[in-house]
Amino acid sequence: MSNPLSGVDFLDDFADKDRNRAMDFKREERMEQLASLRDSRPDVFDRMGPTARISLGYYENDKKNAAAHGVDVNKGNN
């Protein structure tokens, strides 16, 4: 193996992408407010553009993954 690649750990083993994403999770108040809007006023949320809804879906998936890996998702600026 070439010298630059010999120092890369994940070439010898699969990288744990879920764990890496969990460790990078940051709580975002804007996304929390968007989730609250979805729950409290679904009619307004349904009129929002698809980008906001998709972003919230990704955020909530990352939040669930982080919680499953033991990250405190209720704390701001982890």
PDB file of N, CA and C in Angstrom:
ATOM      1  N   MET A   1       0.852  -1.169   0.000  1.00  0.00           N
ATOM      2  CA  MET A   1       0.000   0.000   0.000  1.00  0.00           C
ATOM      3  C   MET A   1       0.900   1.236   0.000  1.00  0.00           C
ATOM      4  N   SER A   2       0.455   2.262  -0.658  1.00  0.00           N
ATOM      5  CA  SER A   2       1.269   3.470  -0.737  1.00  0.00           C
ATOM      6  C   SER A   2       1.379   4.134   0.631  1.00  0.00           C
ATOM      7  N   ASN A   3       2.405   4.909   0.811  1.00  0.00           N
ATOM      8  CA  ASN A   3       2.665   5.544   2.102  1.00  0.00           C
ATOM      9  C   ASN A   3       1.516   6.439   2.576  1.00  0.00           C
ATOM     10  N   PRO A   4       0.946   7.331   1.758  1.00  0.00           N
ATOM     11  CA  PRO A   4      -0.162   8.166   2.263  1.00  0.00           C
ATOM     12  C   PRO A   4      -1.374   7.349   2.688  1.00  0.00           C
ATOM     13  N   LEU A   5      -1.635   6.266   1.996  1.00  0.00           N
ATOM     14  CA  LEU A   5      -2.804   5.463   2.332  1.00  0.00           C
ATOM     15  C   LEU A   5      -2.581   4.553   3.533  1.00  0.00           C
ATOM     16  N   SER A   6      -1.338   4.310   3.890  1.00  0.00           N
ATOM     17  CA  SER A   6      -1.073   3.397   5.007  1.00  0.00           C
ATOM     18  C   SER A   6      -1.522   3.970   6.346  1.00  0.00           C
ATOM     19  N   GLY A   7      -1.678   5.279   6.458  1.00  0.00           N
ATOM     20  CA  GLY A   7      -2.090   5.893   7.709  1.00  0.00           C
ATOM     21  C   GLY A   7      -3.591   6.028   7.868  1.00  0.00           C
ATOM     22  N   VAL A   8      -4.335   5.577   6.895  1.00  0.00           N
ATOM     23  CA  VAL A   8      -5.786   5.725   6.933  1.00  0.00           C
ATOM     24  C   VAL A   8      -6.389   4.470   7.549  1.00  0.00           C
ATOM     25  N   ASP A   9      -7.000   4.617   8.706  1.00  0.00           N
ATOM     26  CA  ASP A   9      -7.523   3.474   9.445  1.00  0.00           C
ATOM     27  C   ASP A   9      -8.683   2.784   8.753  1.00  0.00           C
ATOM     28  N   PHE A  10      -9.576   3.539   8.123  1.00  0.00           N
ATOM     29  CA  PHE A  10     -10.790   2.919   7.609  1.00  0.00           C
ATOM     30  C   PHE A  10     -10.536   2.022   6.408  1.00  0.00           C
ATOM     31  N   LEU A  11      -9.333   2.050   5.813  1.00  0.00           N
ATOM     32  CA  LEU A  11      -9.051   1.142   4.711  1.00  0.00           C
ATOM     33  C   LEU A  11      -8.916  -0.295   5.202  1.00  0.00           C
ATOM     34  N   ASP A  12      -8.540  -0.467   6.441  1.00  0.00           N
ATOM     35  CA  ASP A  12      -8.410  -1.800   7.015  1.00  0.00           C
ATOM     36  C   ASP A  12      -9.721  -2.316   7.563  1.00  0.00           C
ATOM     37  N   ASP A  13     -10.634  -1.449   7.848  1.00  0.00           N
ATOM     38  CA  ASP A  13     -11.909  -1.820   8.449  1.00  0.00           C
ATOM     39  C   ASP A  13     -12.967  -0.853   7.924  1.00  0.00           C
ATOM     40  N   PHE A  14     -14.213  -1.263   7.990  1.00  0.00           N
ATOM     41  CA  PHE A  14     -15.283  -0.369   7.550  1.00  0.00           C
ATOM     42  C   PHE A  14     -15.444   0.776   8.542  1.00  0.00           C
ATOM     43  N   ALA A  15     -15.609   1.961   8.006  1.00  0.00           N
ATOM     44  CA  ALA A  15     -15.859   3.117   8.865  1.00  0.00           C
ATOM     45  C   ALA A  15     -17.278   3.016   9.411  1.00  0.00           C
ATOM     46  N   ASP A  16     -17.457   3.356  10.653  1.00  0.00           N
ATOM     47  CA  ASP A  16     -18.786   3.341  11.258  1.00  0.00           C
ATOM     48  C   ASP A  16     -19.430   4.692  10.985  1.00  0.00           C
ATOM     49  N   LYS A  17     -20.104   4.804   9.851  1.00  0.00           N
ATOM     50  CA  LYS A  17     -20.667   6.077   9.426  1.00  0.00           C
ATOM     51  C   LYS A  17     -21.735   6.573  10.391  1.00  0.00           C
ATOM     52  N   ASP A  18     -22.563   5.664  10.906  1.00  0.00           N
ATOM     53  CA  ASP A  18     -23.605   6.087  11.838  1.00  0.00           C
ATOM     54  C   ASP A  18     -23.000   6.693  13.095  1.00  0.00           C
ATOM     55  N   ARG A  19     -21.976   6.076  13.612  1.00  0.00           N
ATOM     56  CA  ARG A  19     -21.329   6.599  14.824  1.00  0.00           C
ATOM     57  C   ARG A  19     -20.668   7.946  14.544  1.00  0.00           C
ATOM     58  N   ASN A  20     -20.016   8.064  13.404  1.00  0.00           N
ATOM     59  CA  ASN A  20     -19.383   9.339  13.047  1.00  0.00           C
ATOM     60  C   ASN A  20     -20.415  10.449  12.925  1.00  0.00           C
ATOM     61  N   ARG A  21     -21.535  10.147  12.283  1.00  0.00           N
ATOM     62  CA  ARG A  21     -22.597  11.160  12.168  1.00  0.00           C
ATOM     63  C   ARG A  21     -23.171  11.498  13.535  1.00  0.00           C
ATOM     64  N   ALA A  22     -23.287  10.493  14.396  1.00  0.00           N
ATOM     65  CA  ALA A  22     -23.824  10.737  15.740  1.00  0.00           C
ATOM     66  C   ALA A  22     -22.916  11.675  16.521  1.00  0.00           C
ATOM     67  N   MET A  23     -21.619  11.485  16.408  1.00  0.00           N
ATOM     68  CA  MET A  23     -20.677  12.328  17.144  1.00  0.00           C
ATOM     69  C   MET A  23     -20.649  13.757  16.592  1.00  0.00           C
ATOM     70  N   ASP A  24     -21.055  13.937  15.341  1.00  0.00           N
ATOM     71  CA  ASP A  24     -21.068  15.272  14.723  1.00  0.00           C
ATOM     72  C   ASP A  24     -22.392  16.002  14.923  1.00  0.00           C
ATOM     73  N   PHE A  25     -23.376  15.346  15.542  1.00  0.00           N
ATOM     74  CA  PHE A  25     -24.698  15.957  15.686  1.00  0.00           C
ATOM     75  C   PHE A  25     -24.630  17.220  16.538  1.00  0.00           C
ATOM     76  N   LYS A  26     -25.268  18.265  16.048  1.00  0.00           N
ATOM     77  CA  LYS A  26     -25.403  19.520  16.786  1.00  0.00           C
ATOM     78  C   LYS A  26     -26.882  19.881  16.829  1.00  0.00           C
ATOM     79  N   ARG A  27     -27.383  20.164  18.005  1.00  0.00           N
ATOM     80  CA  ARG A  27     -28.773  20.574  18.153  1.00  0.00           C
ATOM     81  C   ARG A  27     -28.955  21.954  17.530  1.00  0.00           C
ATOM     82  N   GLU A  28     -29.988  22.090  16.724  1.00  0.00           N
ATOM     83  CA  GLU A  28     -30.274  23.359  16.057  1.00  0.00           C
ATOM     84  C   GLU A  28     -31.656  23.821  16.476  1.00  0.00           C
ATOM     85  N   GLU A  29     -31.711  24.968  17.101  1.00  0.00           N
ATOM     86  CA  GLU A  29     -32.984  25.496  17.600  1.00  0.00           C
ATOM     87  C   GLU A  29     -33.970  25.769  16.466  1.00  0.00           C
ATOM     88  N   ARG A  30     -33.482  26.182  15.315  1.00  0.00           N
ATOM     89  CA  ARG A  30     -34.387  26.430  14.186  1.00  0.00           C
ATOM     90  C   ARG A  30     -35.096  25.144  13.774  1.00  0.00           C
ATOM     91  N   MET A  31     -34.376  24.038  13.776  1.00  0.00           N
ATOM     92  CA  MET A  31     -34.991  22.757  13.418  1.00  0.00           C
ATOM     93  C   MET A  31     -35.952  22.294  14.512  1.00  0.00           C
ATOM     94  N   GLU A  32     -35.602  22.555  15.755  1.00  0.00           N
ATOM     95  CA  GLU A  32     -36.500  22.200  16.861  1.00  0.00           C
ATOM     96  C   GLU A  32     -37.795  23.005  16.762  1.00  0.00           C
ATOM     97  N   GLN A  33     -37.689  24.276  16.390  1.00  0.00           N
ATOM     98  CA  GLN A  33     -38.880  25.110  16.218  1.00  0.00           C
ATOM     99  C   GLN A  33     -39.719  24.633  15.037  1.00  0.00           C
ATOM    100  N   LEU A  34     -39.057  24.197  13.982  1.00  0.00           N
ATOM    101  CA  LEU A  34     -39.773  23.672  12.823  1.00  0.00           C
ATOM    102  C   LEU A  34     -40.527  22.393  13.183  1.00  0.00           C
ATOM    103  N   ALA A  35     -39.906  21.533  13.984  1.00  0.00           N
ATOM    104  CA  ALA A  35     -40.581  20.310  14.445  1.00  0.00           C
ATOM    105  C   ALA A  35     -41.771  20.662  15.324  1.00  0.00           C
ATOM    106  N   SER A  36     -41.619  21.670  16.155  1.00  0.00           N
ATOM    107  CA  SER A  36     -42.716  22.115  17.002  1.00  0.00           C
ATOM    108  C   SER A  36     -43.865  22.661  16.161  1.00  0.00           C
ATOM    109  N   LEU A  37     -43.525  23.410  15.116  1.00  0.00           N
ATOM    110  CA  LEU A  37     -44.547  23.934  14.210  1.00  0.00           C
ATOM    111  C   LEU A  37     -45.288  22.794  13.521  1.00  0.00           C
ATOM    112  N   ARG A  38     -44.554  21.790  13.089  1.00  0.00           N
ATOM    113  CA  ARG A  38     -45.176  20.634  12.443  1.00  0.00           C
ATOM    114  C   ARG A  38     -46.181  19.960  13.368  1.00  0.00           C
ATOM    115  N   ASP A  39     -45.828  19.855  14.642  1.00  0.00           N
ATOM    116  CA  ASP A  39     -46.695  19.177  15.607  1.00  0.00           C
ATOM    117  C   ASP A  39     -47.871  20.040  16.048  1.00  0.00           C
ATOM    118  N   SER A  40     -47.651  21.349  16.173  1.00  0.00           N
ATOM    119  CA  SER A  40     -48.709  22.216  16.691  1.00  0.00           C
ATOM    120  C   SER A  40     -49.613  22.799  15.603  1.00  0.00           C
ATOM    121  N   ARG A  41     -49.050  23.049  14.432  1.00  0.00           N
ATOM    122  CA  ARG A  41     -49.836  23.657  13.344  1.00  0.00           C
ATOM    123  C   ARG A  41     -49.524  22.964  12.024  1.00  0.00           C
ATOM    124  N   PRO A  42     -50.002  21.735  11.859  1.00  0.00           N
ATOM    125  CA  PRO A  42     -49.676  20.977  10.649  1.00  0.00           C
ATOM    126  C   PRO A  42     -50.149  21.638   9.357  1.00  0.00           C
ATOM    127  N   ASP A  43     -51.212  22.427   9.425  1.00  0.00           N
ATOM    128  CA  ASP A  43     -51.701  23.101   8.220  1.00  0.00           C
ATOM    129  C   ASP A  43     -50.675  24.113   7.699  1.00  0.00           C
ATOM    130  N   VAL A  44     -50.024  24.831   8.600  1.00  0.00           N
ATOM    131  CA  VAL A  44     -48.979  25.787   8.202  1.00  0.00           C
ATOM    132  C   VAL A  44     -47.755  25.037   7.701  1.00  0.00           C
ATOM    133  N   PHE A  45     -47.393  23.976   8.392  1.00  0.00           N
ATOM    134  CA  PHE A  45     -46.219  23.190   8.004  1.00  0.00           C
ATOM    135  C   PHE A  45     -46.406  22.594   6.608  1.00  0.00           C
ATOM    136  N   ASP A  46     -47.605  22.128   6.295  1.00  0.00           N
ATOM    137  CA  ASP A  46     -47.871  21.514   4.997  1.00  0.00           C
ATOM    138  C   ASP A  46     -47.738  22.505   3.846  1.00  0.00           C
ATOM    139  N   ARG A  47     -47.898  23.782   4.126  1.00  0.00           N
ATOM    140  CA  ARG A  47     -47.767  24.802   3.086  1.00  0.00           C
ATOM    141  C   ARG A  47     -46.327  25.252   2.879  1.00  0.00           C
ATOM    142  N   MET A  48     -45.437  24.795   3.720  1.00  0.00           N
ATOM    143  CA  MET A  48     -44.021  25.165   3.583  1.00  0.00           C
ATOM    144  C   MET A  48     -43.418  24.419   2.402  1.00  0.00           C
ATOM    145  N   GLY A  49     -42.327  24.934   1.910  1.00  0.00           N
ATOM    146  CA  GLY A  49     -41.649  24.310   0.775  1.00  0.00           C
ATOM    147  C   GLY A  49     -41.034  22.965   1.129  1.00  0.00           C
ATOM    148  N   PRO A  50     -40.764  22.171   0.115  1.00  0.00           N
ATOM    149  CA  PRO A  50     -40.209  20.839   0.355  1.00  0.00           C
ATOM    150  C   PRO A  50     -38.821  20.860   0.977  1.00  0.00           C
ATOM    151  N   THR A  51     -38.059  21.895   0.740  1.00  0.00           N
ATOM    152  CA  THR A  51     -36.703  21.953   1.299  1.00  0.00           C
ATOM    153  C   THR A  51     -36.735  21.950   2.817  1.00  0.00           C
ATOM    154  N   ALA A  52     -37.638  22.700   3.402  1.00  0.00           N
ATOM    155  CA  ALA A  52     -37.744  22.747   4.870  1.00  0.00           C
ATOM    156  C   ALA A  52     -38.176  21.397   5.417  1.00  0.00           C
ATOM    157  N   ARG A  53     -39.127  20.751   4.754  1.00  0.00           N
ATOM    158  CA  ARG A  53     -39.609  19.451   5.241  1.00  0.00           C
ATOM    159  C   ARG A  53     -38.533  18.375   5.116  1.00  0.00           C
ATOM    160  N   ILE A  54     -37.808  18.390   4.006  1.00  0.00           N
ATOM    161  CA  ILE A  54     -36.733  17.412   3.808  1.00  0.00           C
ATOM    162  C   ILE A  54     -35.615  17.651   4.819  1.00  0.00           C
ATOM    163  N   SER A  55     -35.262  18.919   5.026  1.00  0.00           N
ATOM    164  CA  SER A  55     -34.212  19.248   5.997  1.00  0.00           C
ATOM    165  C   SER A  55     -34.591  18.766   7.393  1.00  0.00           C
ATOM    166  N   LEU A  56     -35.850  18.949   7.756  1.00  0.00           N
ATOM    167  CA  LEU A  56     -36.308  18.492   9.068  1.00  0.00           C
ATOM    168  C   LEU A  56     -36.212  16.970   9.157  1.00  0.00           C
ATOM    169  N   GLY A  57     -36.548  16.282   8.092  1.00  0.00           N
ATOM    170  CA  GLY A  57     -36.442  14.820   8.088  1.00  0.00           C
ATOM    171  C   GLY A  57     -35.013  14.347   8.311  1.00  0.00           C
ATOM    172  N   TYR A  58     -34.063  14.969   7.612  1.00  0.00           N
ATOM    173  CA  TYR A  58     -32.650  14.623   7.807  1.00  0.00           C
ATOM    174  C   TYR A  58     -32.210  14.933   9.239  1.00  0.00           C
ATOM    175  N   TYR A  59     -32.607  16.087   9.728  1.00  0.00           N
ATOM    176  CA  TYR A  59     -32.232  16.487  11.086  1.00  0.00           C
ATOM    177  C   TYR A  59     -32.775  15.483  12.110  1.00  0.00           C
ATOM    178  N   GLU A  60     -34.033  15.104  11.963  1.00  0.00           N
ATOM    179  CA  GLU A  60     -34.629  14.168  12.923  1.00  0.00           C
ATOM    180  C   GLU A  60     -34.003  12.782  12.828  1.00  0.00           C
ATOM    181  N   ASN A  61     -33.621  12.354  11.627  1.00  0.00           N
ATOM    182  CA  ASN A  61     -32.915  11.074  11.494  1.00  0.00           C
ATOM    183  C   ASN A  61     -31.558  11.136  12.184  1.00  0.00           C
ATOM    184  N   ASP A  62     -30.838  12.233  11.984  1.00  0.00           N
ATOM    185  CA  ASP A  62     -29.541  12.395  12.645  1.00  0.00           C
ATOM    186  C   ASP A  62     -29.703  12.460  14.161  1.00  0.00           C
ATOM    187  N   LYS A  63     -30.757  13.109  14.619  1.00  0.00           N
ATOM    188  CA  LYS A  63     -31.009  13.219  16.059  1.00  0.00           C
ATOM    189  C   LYS A  63     -31.309  11.845  16.659  1.00  0.00           C
ATOM    190  N   LYS A  64     -32.116  11.057  15.969  1.00  0.00           N
ATOM    191  CA  LYS A  64     -32.443   9.713  16.449  1.00  0.00           C
ATOM    192  C   LYS A  64     -31.186   8.829  16.477  1.00  0.00           C
ATOM    193  N   ASN A  65     -30.367   8.943  15.445  1.00  0.00           N
ATOM    194  CA  ASN A  65     -29.125   8.184  15.376  1.00  0.00           C
ATOM    195  C   ASN A  65     -28.175   8.595  16.508  1.00  0.00           C
ATOM    196  N   ALA A  66     -28.079   9.896  16.752  1.00  0.00           N
ATOM    197  CA  ALA A  66     -27.205  10.387  17.823  1.00  0.00           C
ATOM    198  C   ALA A  66     -27.680   9.874  19.183  1.00  0.00           C
ATOM    199  N   ALA A  67     -28.986   9.902  19.411  1.00  0.00           N
ATOM    200  CA  ALA A  67     -29.525   9.404  20.679  1.00  0.00           C
ATOM    201  C   ALA A  67     -29.240   7.917  20.835  1.00  0.00           C
ATOM    202  N   ALA A  68     -29.317   7.168  19.742  1.00  0.00           N
ATOM    203  CA  ALA A  68     -29.035   5.733  19.802  1.00  0.00           C
ATOM    204  C   ALA A  68     -27.567   5.448  20.117  1.00  0.00           C
ATOM    205  N   HIS A  69     -26.696   6.398  19.823  1.00  0.00           N
ATOM    206  CA  HIS A  69     -25.269   6.238  20.118  1.00  0.00           C
ATOM    207  C   HIS A  69     -24.860   6.928  21.422  1.00  0.00           C
ATOM    208  N   GLY A  70     -25.850   7.332  22.211  1.00  0.00           N
ATOM    209  CA  GLY A  70     -25.562   7.867  23.534  1.00  0.00           C
ATOM    210  C   GLY A  70     -25.253   9.347  23.591  1.00  0.00           C
ATOM    211  N   VAL A  71     -25.499  10.082  22.529  1.00  0.00           N
ATOM    212  CA  VAL A  71     -25.249  11.523  22.524  1.00  0.00           C
ATOM    213  C   VAL A  71     -26.464  12.218  23.156  1.00  0.00           C
ATOM    214  N   ASP A  72     -26.205  13.186  24.014  1.00  0.00           N
ATOM    215  CA  ASP A  72     -27.270  13.961  24.642  1.00  0.00           C
ATOM    216  C   ASP A  72     -27.818  14.942  23.612  1.00  0.00           C
ATOM    217  N   VAL A  73     -28.984  14.628  23.040  1.00  0.00           N
ATOM    218  CA  VAL A  73     -29.555  15.456  21.961  1.00  0.00           C
ATOM    219  C   VAL A  73     -30.396  16.603  22.516  1.00  0.00           C
ATOM    220  N   ASN A  74     -30.566  16.673  23.818  1.00  0.00           N
ATOM    221  CA  ASN A  74     -31.350  17.747  24.418  1.00  0.00           C
ATOM    222  C   ASN A  74     -30.507  18.947  24.807  1.00  0.00           C
ATOM    223  N   LYS A  75     -29.210  18.792  24.724  1.00  0.00           N
ATOM    224  CA  LYS A  75     -28.275  19.842  25.116  1.00  0.00           C
ATOM    225  C   LYS A  75     -27.910  20.669  23.901  1.00  0.00           C
ATOM    226  N   GLY A  76     -27.917  21.974  24.022  1.00  0.00           N
ATOM    227  CA  GLY A  76     -27.541  22.861  22.926  1.00  0.00           C
ATOM    228  C   GLY A  76     -26.048  22.905  22.709  1.00  0.00           C
ATOM    229  N   ASN A  77     -25.636  23.051  21.464  1.00  0.00           N
ATOM    230  CA  ASN A  77     -24.212  23.153  21.087  1.00  0.00           C
ATOM    231  C   ASN A  77     -23.359  22.049  21.693  1.00  0.00           C
ATOM    232  N   ASN A  78     -23.730  20.817  21.368  1.00  0.00           N
ATOM    233  CA  ASN A  78     -23.005  19.642  21.910  1.00  0.00           C
ATOM    234  C   ASN A  78     -21.540  19.774  21.682  1.00  0.00           C
TER     235      ASN A  78
END
